[in-house]
Amino acid sequence: MDAYDKGSDARRGQDGPGGPGGPDLPDGEADAAETTAPEPDGAPEAAGAREAADVPEVAVVPEAAGAAEVAGAAEVAGAAEAAGAPEAIGAAEAAGAVRPAPPGRAQPPAPRTGVAALSPRYQVGAVVALAVVAVAVCAHIGMVFLHLAPSNTLTKQHGDVVDEWVFPEFEQNWKLFAPNPLQQNVSVQVRAEVSTADGEIRTTGWYDLSAEDGRAIDGNPLPSHTQQNELRRAWDFFVASHDSDDRPVGLRGTLSETYLRRIALLRLDRDGAAGPGGVVERVQYRSRTTNVEPPPWSGEKVSARPTVRELPWWSVSAETRGAKSGQAGQAAREGGAA
């Protein structure tokens, strides 16, 4: 047999070609033998069998190679997890091995939030509450719109209902866009006639309600609507619904008086005007109006003298402060007269 036959299954040892004592190879085959990488130590028999069978080398398809690498990495990850080796598990995950979830272990559902987290009974209650709020908001917006809108069929037929809803708390006007805006400072003041605990009647000093609101608003970045508009709109409502002799004009005039009496009682009670054991029997309003000084360049001359308007005394009725307080005040007046 030819010693240079490539099909021979004879192993090249130290006596083989290129080794000491072996026959010399041609230059081309010697270079090939020198540049051939040594086979791994763990598979010499497989290499010999492949050479003996003269099996041709098979090209590896990239997709198949990737699948094989993933499968191999998955097996490595499984073995590493069983052996408790976190480093090997991290390496397998970095290599792209995706392990399926163990059978029989389902993922927990995502927790419910908001209204969906409530029980069915509370969900129904929440829906009903939202519906009621939505209906109330829409009704209020509709009433205010009809109040501001020009006269139409609805306002002619249901104008009284609209006025009862809007006045006096939700009254709207266009004074901000008037051709001649307000150019006066109006200070509203009130005093009370109080029956003391020992049966005497005394009159308090004047409480400047406008100044109290001004102090609450000054320096406050978010003043309340009550501090800004309650007293001012109540006084404008009264002036617009009374004549020059302070007599009410129509039903709105009486309503404005009741509104002012309630505001007076609330403010006097807040200031402690009645004192310990005292009862407010009557209240009296007055206004002090002064003109705003015009700018120097206008050349306009206005009077700096204030105008005072003093209203008559109003008895505090039982419907505004309770029937019990009204009876106590009447007894005190009778005792004082005796």
C-alpha atoms as a PDB file:
ATOM      1  CA  MET A   1       0.000   0.000   0.000  1.00  0.00           C
ATOM      2  CA  ASP A   2       1.228   3.460  -0.800  1.00  0.00           C
ATOM      3  CA  ALA A   3       2.446   5.198   2.357  1.00  0.00           C
ATOM      4  CA  TYR A   4       1.030   8.526   1.136  1.00  0.00           C
ATOM      5  CA  ASP A   5      -2.477   7.248   0.545  1.00  0.00           C
ATOM      6  CA  LYS A   6      -4.926   9.661   2.232  1.00  0.00           C
ATOM      7  CA  GLY A   7      -7.507   6.939   2.656  1.00  0.00           C
ATOM      8  CA  SER A   8      -5.257   4.924   4.978  1.00  0.00           C
ATOM      9  CA  ASP A   9      -6.464   4.605   8.552  1.00  0.00           C
ATOM     10  CA  ALA A  10      -2.954   4.461   9.915  1.00  0.00           C
ATOM     11  CA  ARG A  11      -2.413   7.021  12.656  1.00  0.00           C
ATOM     12  CA  ARG A  12       0.479   9.432  12.375  1.00  0.00           C
ATOM     13  CA  GLY A  13       2.532   9.081  15.482  1.00  0.00           C
ATOM     14  CA  GLN A  14       6.024  10.156  16.178  1.00  0.00           C
ATOM     15  CA  ASP A  15       7.195   7.939  13.366  1.00  0.00           C
ATOM     16  CA  GLY A  16       4.591   9.385  10.984  1.00  0.00           C
ATOM     17  CA  PRO A  17       5.204  11.987   8.365  1.00  0.00           C
ATOM     18  CA  GLY A  18       6.837  15.053   9.757  1.00  0.00           C
ATOM     19  CA  GLY A  19       7.936  13.218  12.907  1.00  0.00           C
ATOM     20  CA  PRO A  20      11.409  12.035  13.643  1.00  0.00           C
ATOM     21  CA  GLY A  21      12.284   9.031  11.690  1.00  0.00           C
ATOM     22  CA  GLY A  22       9.329   9.307   9.382  1.00  0.00           C
ATOM     23  CA  PRO A  23       9.503   9.595   5.627  1.00  0.00           C
ATOM     24  CA  ASP A  24       9.704  13.030   4.181  1.00  0.00           C
ATOM     25  CA  LEU A  25       6.548  14.443   2.558  1.00  0.00           C
ATOM     26  CA  PRO A  26       6.318  16.586  -0.461  1.00  0.00           C
ATOM     27  CA  ASP A  27       6.444  20.331   0.186  1.00  0.00           C
ATOM     28  CA  GLY A  28       2.699  20.969  -0.373  1.00  0.00           C
ATOM     29  CA  GLU A  29       1.534  18.100   1.830  1.00  0.00           C
ATOM     30  CA  ALA A  30       4.053  18.978   4.522  1.00  0.00           C
ATOM     31  CA  ASP A  31       2.742  22.535   4.694  1.00  0.00           C
ATOM     32  CA  ALA A  32      -0.832  21.229   4.897  1.00  0.00           C
ATOM     33  CA  ALA A  33       0.101  18.898   7.714  1.00  0.00           C
ATOM     34  CA  GLU A  34       1.798  21.694   9.629  1.00  0.00           C
ATOM     35  CA  THR A  35      -1.095  24.132   9.285  1.00  0.00           C
ATOM     36  CA  THR A  36      -3.796  21.600  10.196  1.00  0.00           C
ATOM     37  CA  ALA A  37      -5.187  22.414  13.677  1.00  0.00           C
ATOM     38  CA  PRO A  38      -4.899  19.589  16.179  1.00  0.00           C
ATOM     39  CA  GLU A  39      -8.111  17.829  17.004  1.00  0.00           C
ATOM     40  CA  PRO A  40      -9.617  18.069  20.493  1.00  0.00           C
ATOM     41  CA  ASP A  41      -8.337  15.595  23.033  1.00  0.00           C
ATOM     42  CA  GLY A  42     -11.803  14.274  23.768  1.00  0.00           C
ATOM     43  CA  ALA A  43     -12.590  12.995  20.248  1.00  0.00           C
ATOM     44  CA  PRO A  44      -9.569  11.272  18.599  1.00  0.00           C
ATOM     45  CA  GLU A  45     -11.503   8.118  17.859  1.00  0.00           C
ATOM     46  CA  ALA A  46     -14.308  10.041  16.153  1.00  0.00           C
ATOM     47  CA  ALA A  47     -11.823  11.852  13.999  1.00  0.00           C
ATOM     48  CA  GLY A  48     -10.192   8.585  12.993  1.00  0.00           C
ATOM     49  CA  ALA A  49     -13.513   7.004  12.193  1.00  0.00           C
ATOM     50  CA  ARG A  50     -14.494   9.950  10.053  1.00  0.00           C
ATOM     51  CA  GLU A  51     -11.228   9.759   8.156  1.00  0.00           C
ATOM     52  CA  ALA A  52     -11.580   5.964   7.767  1.00  0.00           C
ATOM     53  CA  ALA A  53     -15.051   6.256   6.345  1.00  0.00           C
ATOM     54  CA  ASP A  54     -13.928   9.109   4.135  1.00  0.00           C
ATOM     55  CA  VAL A  55     -17.070  11.087   5.113  1.00  0.00           C
ATOM     56  CA  PRO A  56     -17.139  14.485   3.440  1.00  0.00           C
ATOM     57  CA  GLU A  57     -17.466  17.579   5.635  1.00  0.00           C
ATOM     58  CA  VAL A  58     -21.000  19.048   5.795  1.00  0.00           C
ATOM     59  CA  ALA A  59     -21.506  22.797   5.643  1.00  0.00           C
ATOM     60  CA  VAL A  60     -23.403  24.202   8.652  1.00  0.00           C
ATOM     61  CA  VAL A  61     -26.486  26.272   7.836  1.00  0.00           C
ATOM     62  CA  PRO A  62     -26.570  29.511   9.907  1.00  0.00           C
ATOM     63  CA  GLU A  63     -30.200  29.032  11.007  1.00  0.00           C
ATOM     64  CA  ALA A  64     -29.554  25.484  12.096  1.00  0.00           C
ATOM     65  CA  ALA A  65     -26.449  26.596  13.920  1.00  0.00           C
ATOM     66  CA  GLY A  66     -28.370  29.272  15.793  1.00  0.00           C
ATOM     67  CA  ALA A  67     -31.075  26.790  16.789  1.00  0.00           C
ATOM     68  CA  ALA A  68     -28.464  24.347  17.961  1.00  0.00           C
ATOM     69  CA  GLU A  69     -26.723  27.009  20.012  1.00  0.00           C
ATOM     70  CA  VAL A  70     -30.002  28.049  21.654  1.00  0.00           C
ATOM     71  CA  ALA A  71     -30.890  24.429  22.385  1.00  0.00           C
ATOM     72  CA  GLY A  72     -27.456  23.813  23.812  1.00  0.00           C
ATOM     73  CA  ALA A  73     -27.645  26.954  25.933  1.00  0.00           C
ATOM     74  CA  ALA A  74     -31.045  25.918  27.222  1.00  0.00           C
ATOM     75  CA  GLU A  75     -29.692  22.540  28.264  1.00  0.00           C
ATOM     76  CA  VAL A  76     -26.769  24.252  29.969  1.00  0.00           C
ATOM     77  CA  ALA A  77     -29.129  26.614  31.787  1.00  0.00           C
ATOM     78  CA  GLY A  78     -31.305  23.733  32.954  1.00  0.00           C
ATOM     79  CA  ALA A  79     -28.316  21.812  34.188  1.00  0.00           C
ATOM     80  CA  ALA A  80     -26.902  24.890  35.899  1.00  0.00           C
ATOM     81  CA  GLU A  81     -30.202  25.612  37.616  1.00  0.00           C
ATOM     82  CA  ALA A  82     -30.372  22.048  38.870  1.00  0.00           C
ATOM     83  CA  ALA A  83     -26.802  22.318  40.139  1.00  0.00           C
ATOM     84  CA  GLY A  84     -27.462  25.753  41.736  1.00  0.00           C
ATOM     85  CA  ALA A  85     -24.925  27.711  39.683  1.00  0.00           C
ATOM     86  CA  PRO A  86     -26.212  31.303  39.246  1.00  0.00           C
ATOM     87  CA  GLU A  87     -23.250  32.304  37.084  1.00  0.00           C
ATOM     88  CA  ALA A  88     -24.009  29.627  34.539  1.00  0.00           C
ATOM     89  CA  ILE A  89     -27.696  30.559  34.568  1.00  0.00           C
ATOM     90  CA  GLY A  90     -26.853  34.201  33.841  1.00  0.00           C
ATOM     91  CA  ALA A  91     -24.537  33.159  31.035  1.00  0.00           C
ATOM     92  CA  ALA A  92     -27.230  30.981  29.516  1.00  0.00           C
ATOM     93  CA  GLU A  93     -29.790  33.795  29.690  1.00  0.00           C
ATOM     94  CA  ALA A  94     -27.295  36.191  28.102  1.00  0.00           C
ATOM     95  CA  ALA A  95     -26.740  33.658  25.312  1.00  0.00           C
ATOM     96  CA  GLY A  96     -30.444  33.909  24.448  1.00  0.00           C
ATOM     97  CA  ALA A  97     -31.752  30.717  25.970  1.00  0.00           C
ATOM     98  CA  VAL A  98     -35.438  31.111  26.707  1.00  0.00           C
ATOM     99  CA  ARG A  99     -36.804  28.559  29.088  1.00  0.00           C
ATOM    100  CA  PRO A 100     -40.523  27.859  28.970  1.00  0.00           C
ATOM    101  CA  ALA A 101     -42.509  28.274  32.162  1.00  0.00           C
ATOM    102  CA  PRO A 102     -42.864  25.040  34.136  1.00  0.00           C
ATOM    103  CA  PRO A 103     -46.085  23.223  33.297  1.00  0.00           C
ATOM    104  CA  GLY A 104     -48.957  23.725  35.718  1.00  0.00           C
ATOM    105  CA  ARG A 105     -47.715  27.110  37.060  1.00  0.00           C
ATOM    106  CA  ALA A 106     -50.021  29.788  35.538  1.00  0.00           C
ATOM    107  CA  GLN A 107     -49.153  33.478  35.685  1.00  0.00           C
ATOM    108  CA  PRO A 108     -51.212  35.372  38.324  1.00  0.00           C
ATOM    109  CA  PRO A 109     -53.728  37.863  36.878  1.00  0.00           C
ATOM    110  CA  ALA A 110     -52.947  41.577  37.113  1.00  0.00           C
ATOM    111  CA  PRO A 111     -54.557  43.297  40.148  1.00  0.00           C
ATOM    112  CA  ARG A 112     -57.655  45.373  39.407  1.00  0.00           C
ATOM    113  CA  THR A 113     -57.651  49.081  40.202  1.00  0.00           C
ATOM    114  CA  GLY A 114     -60.169  51.909  40.389  1.00  0.00           C
ATOM    115  CA  VAL A 115     -63.865  51.142  40.137  1.00  0.00           C
ATOM    116  CA  ALA A 116     -63.106  47.682  38.754  1.00  0.00           C
ATOM    117  CA  ALA A 117     -61.577  46.726  42.121  1.00  0.00           C
ATOM    118  CA  LEU A 118     -64.902  47.283  43.912  1.00  0.00           C
ATOM    119  CA  SER A 119     -67.518  44.641  44.440  1.00  0.00           C
ATOM    120  CA  PRO A 120     -70.482  44.632  42.005  1.00  0.00           C
ATOM    121  CA  ARG A 121     -72.750  46.289  44.564  1.00  0.00           C
ATOM    122  CA  TYR A 122     -70.353  49.182  45.145  1.00  0.00           C
ATOM    123  CA  GLN A 123     -69.727  49.476  41.409  1.00  0.00           C
ATOM    124  CA  VAL A 124     -73.446  50.053  40.876  1.00  0.00           C
ATOM    125  CA  GLY A 125     -73.435  52.658  43.667  1.00  0.00           C
ATOM    126  CA  ALA A 126     -70.475  54.481  42.130  1.00  0.00           C
ATOM    127  CA  VAL A 127     -72.127  54.552  38.715  1.00  0.00           C
ATOM    128  CA  VAL A 128     -75.368  55.916  40.195  1.00  0.00           C
ATOM    129  CA  ALA A 129     -73.483  58.621  42.146  1.00  0.00           C
ATOM    130  CA  LEU A 130     -71.578  59.710  39.045  1.00  0.00           C
ATOM    131  CA  ALA A 131     -74.818  59.849  37.063  1.00  0.00           C
ATOM    132  CA  VAL A 132     -76.490  62.037  39.713  1.00  0.00           C
ATOM    133  CA  VAL A 133     -73.516  64.420  39.814  1.00  0.00           C
ATOM    134  CA  ALA A 134     -73.460  64.640  36.014  1.00  0.00           C
ATOM    135  CA  VAL A 135     -77.186  65.431  35.866  1.00  0.00           C
ATOM    136  CA  ALA A 136     -76.853  68.113  38.581  1.00  0.00           C
ATOM    137  CA  VAL A 137     -73.908  69.776  36.818  1.00  0.00           C
ATOM    138  CA  CYS A 138     -75.709  69.785  33.473  1.00  0.00           C
ATOM    139  CA  ALA A 139     -78.865  71.223  35.066  1.00  0.00           C
ATOM    140  CA  HIS A 140     -76.887  74.003  36.770  1.00  0.00           C
ATOM    141  CA  ILE A 141     -75.049  74.926  33.580  1.00  0.00           C
ATOM    142  CA  GLY A 142     -78.344  74.962  31.695  1.00  0.00           C
ATOM    143  CA  MET A 143     -79.985  77.251  34.270  1.00  0.00           C
ATOM    144  CA  VAL A 144     -77.083  79.718  34.204  1.00  0.00           C
ATOM    145  CA  PHE A 145     -77.086  79.688  30.406  1.00  0.00           C
ATOM    146  CA  LEU A 146     -80.805  80.471  30.272  1.00  0.00           C
ATOM    147  CA  HIS A 147     -80.272  83.243  32.821  1.00  0.00           C
ATOM    148  CA  LEU A 148     -77.609  84.902  30.664  1.00  0.00           C
ATOM    149  CA  ALA A 149     -79.166  84.160  27.279  1.00  0.00           C
ATOM    150  CA  PRO A 150     -81.466  86.669  25.550  1.00  0.00           C
ATOM    151  CA  SER A 151     -85.184  86.325  26.065  1.00  0.00           C
ATOM    152  CA  ASN A 152     -86.547  83.211  24.376  1.00  0.00           C
ATOM    153  CA  THR A 153     -89.421  80.752  24.619  1.00  0.00           C
ATOM    154  CA  LEU A 154     -87.931  78.823  27.530  1.00  0.00           C
ATOM    155  CA  THR A 155     -87.185  81.883  29.615  1.00  0.00           C
ATOM    156  CA  LYS A 156     -90.649  83.270  28.981  1.00  0.00           C
ATOM    157  CA  GLN A 157     -92.324  80.064  30.171  1.00  0.00           C
ATOM    158  CA  HIS A 158     -89.906  79.029  32.905  1.00  0.00           C
ATOM    159  CA  GLY A 159     -88.246  82.318  33.866  1.00  0.00           C
ATOM    160  CA  ASP A 160     -89.450  82.082  37.483  1.00  0.00           C
ATOM    161  CA  VAL A 161     -87.849  78.671  37.925  1.00  0.00           C
ATOM    162  CA  VAL A 162     -84.575  79.924  36.475  1.00  0.00           C
ATOM    163  CA  ASP A 163     -84.562  82.988  38.749  1.00  0.00           C
ATOM    164  CA  GLU A 164     -85.278  80.890  41.844  1.00  0.00           C
ATOM    165  CA  TRP A 165     -82.298  78.678  41.026  1.00  0.00           C
ATOM    166  CA  VAL A 166     -79.853  81.446  40.100  1.00  0.00           C
ATOM    167  CA  PHE A 167     -80.671  84.170  42.627  1.00  0.00           C
ATOM    168  CA  PRO A 168     -78.961  85.196  44.742  1.00  0.00           C
ATOM    169  CA  GLU A 169     -75.973  82.833  45.043  1.00  0.00           C
ATOM    170  CA  PHE A 170     -75.335  82.211  41.333  1.00  0.00           C
ATOM    171  CA  GLU A 171     -76.237  85.561  39.817  1.00  0.00           C
ATOM    172  CA  GLN A 172     -74.174  86.523  36.776  1.00  0.00           C
ATOM    173  CA  ASN A 173     -73.678  89.914  35.155  1.00  0.00           C
ATOM    174  CA  TRP A 174     -71.614  91.670  32.501  1.00  0.00           C
ATOM    175  CA  LYS A 175     -70.206  94.560  34.581  1.00  0.00           C
ATOM    176  CA  LEU A 176     -66.651  93.600  33.701  1.00  0.00           C
ATOM    177  CA  PHE A 177     -67.371  94.486  30.063  1.00  0.00           C
ATOM    178  CA  ALA A 178     -69.571  97.509  30.762  1.00  0.00           C
ATOM    179  CA  PRO A 179     -68.725 100.759  28.947  1.00  0.00           C
ATOM    180  CA  ASN A 180     -68.433 102.523  32.304  1.00  0.00           C
ATOM    181  CA  PRO A 181     -67.177 100.095  34.989  1.00  0.00           C
ATOM    182  CA  LEU A 182     -67.622 100.765  38.690  1.00  0.00           C
ATOM    183  CA  GLN A 183     -65.523 103.702  39.873  1.00  0.00           C
ATOM    184  CA  GLN A 184     -66.507 103.729  43.537  1.00  0.00           C
ATOM    185  CA  ASN A 185     -65.403 102.025  46.718  1.00  0.00           C
ATOM    186  CA  VAL A 186     -68.352 100.786  48.762  1.00  0.00           C
ATOM    187  CA  SER A 187     -67.853  99.800  52.380  1.00  0.00           C
ATOM    188  CA  VAL A 188     -70.728  97.849  53.971  1.00  0.00           C
ATOM    189  CA  GLN A 189     -71.048  98.011  57.757  1.00  0.00           C
ATOM    190  CA  VAL A 190     -73.486  96.513  60.265  1.00  0.00           C
ATOM    191  CA  ARG A 191     -74.343  96.868  63.930  1.00  0.00           C
ATOM    192  CA  ALA A 192     -76.691  94.952  66.198  1.00  0.00           C
ATOM    193  CA  GLU A 193     -79.064  95.451  69.091  1.00  0.00           C
ATOM    194  CA  VAL A 194     -78.352  92.728  71.639  1.00  0.00           C
ATOM    195  CA  SER A 195     -80.283  91.521  74.669  1.00  0.00           C
ATOM    196  CA  THR A 196     -77.791  90.491  77.330  1.00  0.00           C
ATOM    197  CA  ALA A 197     -78.082  87.616  79.778  1.00  0.00           C
ATOM    198  CA  ASP A 198     -79.260  89.939  82.586  1.00  0.00           C
ATOM    199  CA  GLY A 199     -82.124  91.303  80.446  1.00  0.00           C
ATOM    200  CA  GLU A 200     -80.567  94.558  79.305  1.00  0.00           C
ATOM    201  CA  ILE A 201     -80.505  95.880  75.737  1.00  0.00           C
ATOM    202  CA  ARG A 202     -77.290  97.242  74.316  1.00  0.00           C
ATOM    203  CA  THR A 203     -76.219  98.408  70.871  1.00  0.00           C
ATOM    204  CA  THR A 204     -72.896  97.314  69.425  1.00  0.00           C
ATOM    205  CA  GLY A 205     -70.550  99.448  67.416  1.00  0.00           C
ATOM    206  CA  TRP A 206     -70.291  99.328  63.646  1.00  0.00           C
ATOM    207  CA  TYR A 207     -68.564  96.266  62.203  1.00  0.00           C
ATOM    208  CA  ASP A 208     -66.913  96.988  58.855  1.00  0.00           C
ATOM    209  CA  LEU A 209     -67.706  93.761  56.973  1.00  0.00           C
ATOM    210  CA  SER A 210     -66.029  94.945  53.764  1.00  0.00           C
ATOM    211  CA  ALA A 211     -62.791  95.617  55.639  1.00  0.00           C
ATOM    212  CA  GLU A 212     -62.913  92.107  57.130  1.00  0.00           C
ATOM    213  CA  ASP A 213     -63.207  90.601  53.654  1.00  0.00           C
ATOM    214  CA  GLY A 214     -60.394  92.831  52.413  1.00  0.00           C
ATOM    215  CA  ARG A 215     -58.066  91.641  55.174  1.00  0.00           C
ATOM    216  CA  ALA A 216     -58.913  88.011  54.379  1.00  0.00           C
ATOM    217  CA  ILE A 217     -58.186  88.528  50.664  1.00  0.00           C
ATOM    218  CA  ASP A 218     -55.050  90.669  51.000  1.00  0.00           C
ATOM    219  CA  GLY A 219     -51.962  88.488  50.573  1.00  0.00           C
ATOM    220  CA  ASN A 220     -54.022  85.345  49.975  1.00  0.00           C
ATOM    221  CA  PRO A 221     -53.070  83.736  46.622  1.00  0.00           C
ATOM    222  CA  LEU A 222     -56.284  81.679  46.562  1.00  0.00           C
ATOM    223  CA  PRO A 223     -59.084  83.648  48.251  1.00  0.00           C
ATOM    224  CA  SER A 224     -62.466  81.990  48.488  1.00  0.00           C
ATOM    225  CA  HIS A 225     -65.457  82.982  46.382  1.00  0.00           C
ATOM    226  CA  THR A 226     -67.351  83.838  49.573  1.00  0.00           C
ATOM    227  CA  GLN A 227     -64.737  86.321  50.740  1.00  0.00           C
ATOM    228  CA  GLN A 228     -64.638  88.039  47.368  1.00  0.00           C
ATOM    229  CA  ASN A 229     -68.280  88.144  46.276  1.00  0.00           C
ATOM    230  CA  GLU A 230     -70.812  87.170  48.965  1.00  0.00           C
ATOM    231  CA  LEU A 231     -71.198  90.534  50.685  1.00  0.00           C
ATOM    232  CA  ARG A 232     -70.606  92.600  47.547  1.00  0.00           C
ATOM    233  CA  ARG A 233     -73.209  90.757  45.490  1.00  0.00           C
ATOM    234  CA  ALA A 234     -75.722  90.768  48.352  1.00  0.00           C
ATOM    235  CA  TRP A 235     -75.458  94.563  48.669  1.00  0.00           C
ATOM    236  CA  ASP A 236     -75.747  95.079  44.908  1.00  0.00           C
ATOM    237  CA  PHE A 237     -78.786  92.789  44.947  1.00  0.00           C
ATOM    238  CA  PHE A 238     -80.408  94.889  47.680  1.00  0.00           C
ATOM    239  CA  VAL A 239     -79.704  98.232  45.997  1.00  0.00           C
ATOM    240  CA  ALA A 240     -81.067  97.019  42.650  1.00  0.00           C
ATOM    241  CA  SER A 241     -84.302  95.728  44.203  1.00  0.00           C
ATOM    242  CA  HIS A 242     -85.159  98.755  46.431  1.00  0.00           C
ATOM    243  CA  ASP A 243     -86.194 102.291  45.705  1.00  0.00           C
ATOM    244  CA  SER A 244     -84.670 105.498  47.087  1.00  0.00           C
ATOM    245  CA  ASP A 245     -86.772 105.178  50.267  1.00  0.00           C
ATOM    246  CA  ASP A 246     -85.390 101.673  50.937  1.00  0.00           C
ATOM    247  CA  ARG A 247     -88.700 100.024  50.157  1.00  0.00           C
ATOM    248  CA  PRO A 248     -88.587  96.653  48.374  1.00  0.00           C
ATOM    249  CA  VAL A 249     -89.691  96.456  44.787  1.00  0.00           C
ATOM    250  CA  GLY A 250     -91.416  93.128  44.137  1.00  0.00           C
ATOM    251  CA  LEU A 251     -90.574  89.727  45.539  1.00  0.00           C
ATOM    252  CA  ARG A 252     -86.839  90.063  44.886  1.00  0.00           C
ATOM    253  CA  GLY A 253     -86.631  93.030  47.269  1.00  0.00           C
ATOM    254  CA  THR A 254     -87.913  90.971  50.194  1.00  0.00           C
ATOM    255  CA  LEU A 255     -85.558  88.147  49.257  1.00  0.00           C
ATOM    256  CA  SER A 256     -82.584  90.522  49.279  1.00  0.00           C
ATOM    257  CA  GLU A 257     -83.449  91.707  52.799  1.00  0.00           C
ATOM    258  CA  THR A 258     -83.617  88.136  54.073  1.00  0.00           C
ATOM    259  CA  TYR A 259     -80.264  87.403  52.460  1.00  0.00           C
ATOM    260  CA  LEU A 260     -78.609  90.423  54.114  1.00  0.00           C
ATOM    261  CA  ARG A 261     -80.071  89.555  57.513  1.00  0.00           C
ATOM    262  CA  ARG A 262     -78.600  86.061  57.329  1.00  0.00           C
ATOM    263  CA  ILE A 263     -75.179  87.405  56.351  1.00  0.00           C
ATOM    264  CA  ALA A 264     -75.312  89.875  59.261  1.00  0.00           C
ATOM    265  CA  LEU A 265     -76.138  87.129  61.770  1.00  0.00           C
ATOM    266  CA  LEU A 266     -73.322  84.914  60.494  1.00  0.00           C
ATOM    267  CA  ARG A 267     -70.740  87.698  60.630  1.00  0.00           C
ATOM    268  CA  LEU A 268     -71.847  89.008  64.044  1.00  0.00           C
ATOM    269  CA  ASP A 269     -71.779  85.520  65.492  1.00  0.00           C
ATOM    270  CA  ARG A 270     -68.286  85.007  64.065  1.00  0.00           C
ATOM    271  CA  ASP A 271     -67.127  88.262  65.697  1.00  0.00           C
ATOM    272  CA  GLY A 272     -68.795  87.430  69.017  1.00  0.00           C
ATOM    273  CA  ALA A 273     -70.898  90.589  68.985  1.00  0.00           C
ATOM    274  CA  ALA A 274     -73.656  89.215  71.269  1.00  0.00           C
ATOM    275  CA  GLY A 275     -71.255  88.200  74.029  1.00  0.00           C
ATOM    276  CA  PRO A 276     -71.779  85.383  76.546  1.00  0.00           C
ATOM    277  CA  GLY A 277     -75.475  84.600  76.865  1.00  0.00           C
ATOM    278  CA  GLY A 278     -76.501  87.476  74.609  1.00  0.00           C
ATOM    279  CA  VAL A 279     -79.006  87.319  71.751  1.00  0.00           C
ATOM    280  CA  VAL A 280     -79.059  89.506  68.638  1.00  0.00           C
ATOM    281  CA  GLU A 281     -82.495  91.104  68.350  1.00  0.00           C
ATOM    282  CA  ARG A 282     -82.141  93.602  65.499  1.00  0.00           C
ATOM    283  CA  VAL A 283     -79.547  94.528  62.908  1.00  0.00           C
ATOM    284  CA  GLN A 284     -78.892  97.699  60.928  1.00  0.00           C
ATOM    285  CA  TYR A 285     -76.836  98.178  57.775  1.00  0.00           C
ATOM    286  CA  ARG A 286     -75.164 101.243  56.363  1.00  0.00           C
ATOM    287  CA  SER A 287     -72.901 101.840  53.377  1.00  0.00           C
ATOM    288  CA  ARG A 288     -70.085 104.311  52.939  1.00  0.00           C
ATOM    289  CA  THR A 289     -69.362 105.148  49.289  1.00  0.00           C
ATOM    290  CA  THR A 290     -66.336 107.096  48.105  1.00  0.00           C
ATOM    291  CA  ASN A 291     -65.294 107.886  44.556  1.00  0.00           C
ATOM    292  CA  VAL A 292     -62.089 106.438  43.190  1.00  0.00           C
ATOM    293  CA  GLU A 293     -59.600 109.232  42.529  1.00  0.00           C
ATOM    294  CA  PRO A 294     -59.069 109.616  38.768  1.00  0.00           C
ATOM    295  CA  PRO A 295     -55.551 109.583  37.282  1.00  0.00           C
ATOM    296  CA  PRO A 296     -53.779 112.967  37.086  1.00  0.00           C
ATOM    297  CA  TRP A 297     -53.697 113.008  33.279  1.00  0.00           C
ATOM    298  CA  SER A 298     -57.495 112.667  32.897  1.00  0.00           C
ATOM    299  CA  GLY A 299     -58.327 116.160  34.180  1.00  0.00           C
ATOM    300  CA  GLU A 300     -61.552 114.782  35.721  1.00  0.00           C
ATOM    301  CA  LYS A 301     -62.704 116.267  39.010  1.00  0.00           C
ATOM    302  CA  VAL A 302     -64.731 114.172  41.463  1.00  0.00           C
ATOM    303  CA  SER A 303     -65.886 114.780  45.004  1.00  0.00           C
ATOM    304  CA  ALA A 304     -63.822 113.138  47.738  1.00  0.00           C
ATOM    305  CA  ARG A 305     -66.645 113.439  50.261  1.00  0.00           C
ATOM    306  CA  PRO A 306     -68.119 110.030  51.182  1.00  0.00           C
ATOM    307  CA  THR A 307     -71.805 109.258  50.795  1.00  0.00           C
ATOM    308  CA  VAL A 308     -73.455 107.379  53.660  1.00  0.00           C
ATOM    309  CA  ARG A 309     -76.653 105.372  53.259  1.00  0.00           C
ATOM    310  CA  GLU A 310     -78.153 104.081  56.494  1.00  0.00           C
ATOM    311  CA  LEU A 311     -80.916 101.495  56.405  1.00  0.00           C
ATOM    312  CA  PRO A 312     -83.642 101.118  59.021  1.00  0.00           C
ATOM    313  CA  TRP A 313     -83.422  98.550  61.795  1.00  0.00           C
ATOM    314  CA  TRP A 314     -84.463  95.039  60.815  1.00  0.00           C
ATOM    315  CA  SER A 315     -85.863  92.637  63.334  1.00  0.00           C
ATOM    316  CA  VAL A 316     -84.259  89.231  63.221  1.00  0.00           C
ATOM    317  CA  SER A 317     -87.182  86.893  62.562  1.00  0.00           C
ATOM    318  CA  ALA A 318     -87.620  83.349  63.828  1.00  0.00           C
ATOM    319  CA  GLU A 319     -86.991  81.849  60.391  1.00  0.00           C
ATOM    320  CA  THR A 320     -83.424  83.188  60.283  1.00  0.00           C
ATOM    321  CA  ARG A 321     -82.200  82.400  63.797  1.00  0.00           C
ATOM    322  CA  GLY A 322     -84.649  79.822  65.192  1.00  0.00           C
ATOM    323  CA  ALA A 323     -87.945  80.019  67.000  1.00  0.00           C
ATOM    324  CA  LYS A 324     -86.344  79.494  70.405  1.00  0.00           C
ATOM    325  CA  SER A 325     -84.106  82.530  70.039  1.00  0.00           C
ATOM    326  CA  GLY A 326     -87.081  84.618  68.874  1.00  0.00           C
ATOM    327  CA  GLN A 327     -89.100  83.716  71.976  1.00  0.00           C
ATOM    328  CA  ALA A 328     -86.171  84.511  74.260  1.00  0.00           C
ATOM    329  CA  GLY A 329     -85.720  87.916  72.609  1.00  0.00           C
ATOM    330  CA  GLN A 330     -89.403  88.751  72.956  1.00  0.00           C
ATOM    331  CA  ALA A 331     -89.346  87.899  76.655  1.00  0.00           C
ATOM    332  CA  ALA A 332     -86.264  90.046  77.124  1.00  0.00           C
ATOM    333  CA  ARG A 333     -87.901  93.038  75.423  1.00  0.00           C
ATOM    334  CA  GLU A 334     -91.050  92.660  77.550  1.00  0.00           C
ATOM    335  CA  GLY A 335     -88.944  92.484  80.719  1.00  0.00           C
ATOM    336  CA  GLY A 336     -86.988  95.564  79.703  1.00  0.00           C
ATOM    337  CA  ALA A 337     -90.198  97.499  78.971  1.00  0.00           C
ATOM    338  CA  ALA A 338     -91.667  96.571  82.357  1.00  0.00           C
END
